[in-house]
């Protein structure tokens, strides 16, 4: 009798553990199909907005609707792919006064915590590395949706935004252009394909 009870308990525990693991969905960010974007905007001398994007990046994320604490995100960015739709300006932004892309070609974000607010919104906390400097940042996240795609797969999408300070990453040239240039607004749109 005791063996049956122990066996049943072990079976239930095993199934519940499997169920918890199965609830975590794993996604690869769809950058090949251009269904994901990392963009930024910063004020030009405080008079207008300069916008740009990074054309090359990759990443993946885990999503668990029933237990958001399991949610995780990792993104790697090729800084050399910076594109502000102006070749001379791109060259300027990639030099050592700003991104220093030759010396620091890689940037990235790794999440450490997902704070769920309900209604499809959350704060994604994590470590962002740029110019070899790693800082803790918060990203405001909204769940856009998820479902089957026309190719027999399943997709899920989010958008997020945060503000970075140039001085945090030793972009001293930003300070010389005035305080309005200090803050860079970052917007991400991420669509993942479930593995």
Protein backbone atom coordinates (compact mmCIF):
# COMPACT_ATOMS: atom_id res chain seq x y z
CA UNK A 1 0.00 0.00 0.00
CA UNK A 2 2.80 2.39 0.99
CA UNK A 3 4.70 1.58 -2.22
CA UNK A 4 1.59 2.40 -4.29
CA UNK A 5 1.15 5.74 -2.50
CA UNK A 6 4.82 6.61 -3.02
CA UNK A 7 4.68 5.55 -6.66
CA UNK A 8 1.53 7.63 -7.22
CA UNK A 9 3.09 10.65 -5.51
CA UNK A 10 6.23 10.32 -7.63
CA UNK A 11 4.16 10.02 -10.79
CA UNK A 12 2.08 13.09 -9.91
CA UNK A 13 5.20 15.08 -9.04
CA UNK A 14 6.88 13.99 -12.26
CA UNK A 15 3.86 14.93 -14.37
CA UNK A 16 3.49 18.29 -12.65
CA UNK A 17 7.19 19.04 -13.22
CA UNK A 18 6.86 18.03 -16.87
CA UNK A 19 3.74 20.19 -17.18
CA UNK A 20 5.56 23.20 -15.68
CA UNK A 21 8.48 22.73 -18.08
CA UNK A 22 6.17 22.21 -21.03
CA UNK A 23 4.44 25.53 -20.29
CA UNK A 24 7.65 27.41 -21.14
CA UNK A 25 7.60 28.23 -24.85
CA UNK A 26 10.95 28.82 -26.56
CA UNK A 27 11.22 31.29 -29.44
CA UNK A 28 13.87 32.41 -31.90
CA UNK A 29 13.62 36.08 -32.88
CA UNK A 30 12.72 36.34 -36.57
CA UNK A 31 15.36 38.67 -37.96
CA UNK A 32 15.73 36.82 -41.27
CA UNK A 33 12.17 37.69 -42.26
CA UNK A 34 12.64 41.29 -41.05
CA UNK A 35 9.90 40.86 -38.44
CA UNK A 36 11.96 42.35 -35.63
CA UNK A 37 13.51 45.78 -35.15
CA UNK A 38 15.89 47.58 -32.79
CA UNK A 39 15.52 51.33 -33.36
CA UNK A 40 16.57 54.48 -31.56
CA UNK A 41 16.00 58.21 -31.65
CA UNK A 42 17.92 61.08 -30.14
CA UNK A 43 17.45 64.83 -30.36
CA UNK A 44 19.73 66.59 -32.82
CA UNK A 45 21.07 69.59 -30.90
CA UNK A 46 17.71 69.69 -29.15
CA UNK A 47 16.00 71.00 -32.29
CA UNK A 48 14.76 67.87 -34.04
CA UNK A 49 14.87 64.06 -33.90
CA UNK A 50 17.54 61.86 -35.42
CA UNK A 51 16.37 58.27 -35.93
CA UNK A 52 18.26 55.08 -36.62
CA UNK A 53 18.29 51.32 -36.32
CA UNK A 54 20.57 48.31 -36.11
CA UNK A 55 20.16 46.12 -39.17
CA UNK A 56 21.89 43.04 -37.74
CA UNK A 57 20.94 41.42 -34.46
CA UNK A 58 19.79 38.05 -33.17
CA UNK A 59 18.26 36.56 -30.09
CA UNK A 60 15.76 34.29 -28.43
CA UNK A 61 13.24 34.34 -25.62
CA UNK A 62 11.22 32.07 -23.35
CA UNK A 63 7.57 32.78 -22.62
CA UNK A 64 5.44 31.17 -19.93
CA UNK A 65 1.92 32.58 -19.78
CA UNK A 66 1.04 30.66 -16.62
CA UNK A 67 4.22 31.62 -14.75
CA UNK A 68 5.74 34.87 -16.09
CA UNK A 69 8.69 34.53 -13.70
CA UNK A 70 10.03 31.99 -16.23
CA UNK A 71 10.12 34.57 -19.04
CA UNK A 72 13.61 35.26 -20.37
CA UNK A 73 15.14 37.32 -23.22
CA UNK A 74 18.59 37.48 -24.83
CA UNK A 75 19.52 39.81 -27.70
CA UNK A 76 22.90 40.29 -29.43
CA UNK A 77 23.42 43.42 -31.58
CA UNK A 78 26.02 44.07 -34.27
CA UNK A 79 26.89 47.73 -33.60
CA UNK A 80 28.58 48.00 -37.01
CA UNK A 81 25.15 47.57 -38.61
CA UNK A 82 23.99 50.97 -37.30
CA UNK A 83 21.93 52.72 -39.97
CA UNK A 84 20.62 56.28 -39.69
CA UNK A 85 19.87 56.53 -43.43
CA UNK A 86 22.89 58.79 -43.97
CA UNK A 87 26.33 57.28 -44.70
CA UNK A 88 28.41 60.19 -43.40
CA UNK A 89 26.41 60.41 -40.19
CA UNK A 90 26.69 56.64 -39.71
CA UNK A 91 30.47 56.92 -40.02
CA UNK A 92 30.42 59.70 -37.43
CA UNK A 93 28.23 57.72 -35.01
CA UNK A 94 30.42 54.61 -35.33
CA UNK A 95 33.67 56.43 -34.53
CA UNK A 96 35.33 56.55 -31.12
CA UNK A 97 33.42 59.62 -29.98
CA UNK A 98 30.16 57.67 -29.93
CA UNK A 99 29.70 53.90 -30.44
CA UNK A 100 33.38 53.12 -31.21
CA UNK A 101 32.13 50.23 -33.35
CA UNK A 102 35.56 48.98 -34.44
CA UNK A 103 36.71 48.50 -30.85
CA UNK A 104 33.31 47.42 -29.48
CA UNK A 105 31.42 45.74 -32.36
CA UNK A 106 29.01 43.88 -30.08
CA UNK A 107 26.24 45.06 -27.79
CA UNK A 108 23.71 42.91 -26.00
CA UNK A 109 20.95 42.48 -23.49
CA UNK A 110 20.35 39.57 -21.10
CA UNK A 111 17.26 39.64 -18.90
CA UNK A 112 17.46 38.96 -15.18
CA UNK A 113 13.82 39.41 -14.14
CA UNK A 114 10.33 39.77 -15.61
CA UNK A 115 7.94 41.86 -13.50
CA UNK A 116 4.43 41.15 -14.75
CA UNK A 117 1.86 43.96 -14.42
CA UNK A 118 -1.10 42.11 -15.96
CA UNK A 119 -3.04 43.15 -19.08
CA UNK A 120 -0.10 42.09 -21.27
CA UNK A 121 2.37 44.59 -19.82
CA UNK A 122 5.54 44.02 -17.85
CA UNK A 123 8.90 45.47 -16.89
CA UNK A 124 11.83 43.48 -18.20
CA UNK A 125 14.91 43.96 -16.06
CA UNK A 126 18.35 42.99 -17.24
CA UNK A 127 21.94 43.80 -18.11
CA UNK A 128 22.73 45.82 -21.23
CA UNK A 129 26.28 45.97 -22.57
CA UNK A 130 27.51 48.72 -24.91
CA UNK A 131 31.08 49.91 -25.54
CA UNK A 132 32.23 47.17 -23.16
CA UNK A 133 30.21 48.70 -20.30
CA UNK A 134 27.40 46.74 -18.65
CA UNK A 135 24.53 48.52 -16.89
CA UNK A 136 21.25 47.37 -15.35
CA UNK A 137 18.30 48.68 -17.34
CA UNK A 138 14.51 48.34 -17.33
CA UNK A 139 12.49 47.84 -20.51
CA UNK A 140 8.74 48.53 -20.55
CA UNK A 141 7.17 45.61 -22.42
CA UNK A 142 3.79 45.03 -24.08
CA UNK A 143 2.61 41.68 -25.42
CA UNK A 144 1.26 42.28 -28.93
CA UNK A 145 -0.10 38.79 -29.57
CA UNK A 146 0.57 35.21 -30.55
CA UNK A 147 -0.84 32.53 -32.82
CA UNK A 148 -0.37 30.30 -35.84
CA UNK A 149 1.32 31.64 -38.96
CA UNK A 150 0.55 30.74 -42.63
CA UNK A 151 3.57 28.38 -42.77
CA UNK A 152 2.45 25.97 -40.07
CA UNK A 153 4.43 27.57 -37.27
CA UNK A 154 3.51 29.58 -34.19
CA UNK A 155 4.64 33.13 -33.51
CA UNK A 156 4.53 35.57 -30.63
CA UNK A 157 5.33 39.28 -30.59
CA UNK A 158 6.25 41.99 -28.12
CA UNK A 159 7.30 45.61 -28.17
CA UNK A 160 9.49 47.36 -25.64
CA UNK A 161 10.97 50.74 -24.91
CA UNK A 162 13.64 52.21 -22.67
CA UNK A 163 15.81 55.31 -22.38
CA UNK A 164 19.60 55.13 -22.27
CA UNK A 165 22.01 57.86 -21.20
CA UNK A 166 25.05 58.45 -23.43
CA UNK A 167 27.22 59.31 -20.44
CA UNK A 168 26.54 55.90 -18.86
CA UNK A 169 28.43 54.35 -21.76
CA UNK A 170 31.18 57.01 -21.88
CA UNK A 171 29.94 58.66 -25.06
CA UNK A 172 31.45 61.95 -23.97
CA UNK A 173 30.81 63.63 -27.30
CA UNK A 174 27.10 63.54 -26.49
CA UNK A 175 27.64 65.88 -23.55
CA UNK A 176 29.46 68.37 -25.79
CA UNK A 177 26.40 68.60 -28.00
CA UNK A 178 24.18 69.72 -25.13
CA UNK A 179 21.97 68.11 -22.48
CA UNK A 180 19.17 67.38 -24.95
CA UNK A 181 21.42 64.80 -26.64
CA UNK A 182 22.10 62.88 -23.41
CA UNK A 183 18.99 60.67 -23.59
CA UNK A 184 18.54 58.09 -26.32
CA UNK A 185 15.08 56.55 -26.68
CA UNK A 186 15.18 52.90 -27.76
CA UNK A 187 12.21 51.02 -29.23
CA UNK A 188 12.17 47.28 -29.94
CA UNK A 189 9.67 45.21 -31.86
CA UNK A 190 10.29 41.49 -31.49
CA UNK A 191 8.49 38.66 -33.27
CA UNK A 192 9.60 35.16 -32.36
CA UNK A 193 9.05 31.80 -34.04
CA UNK A 194 8.34 29.00 -31.58
CA UNK A 195 10.88 26.18 -31.68
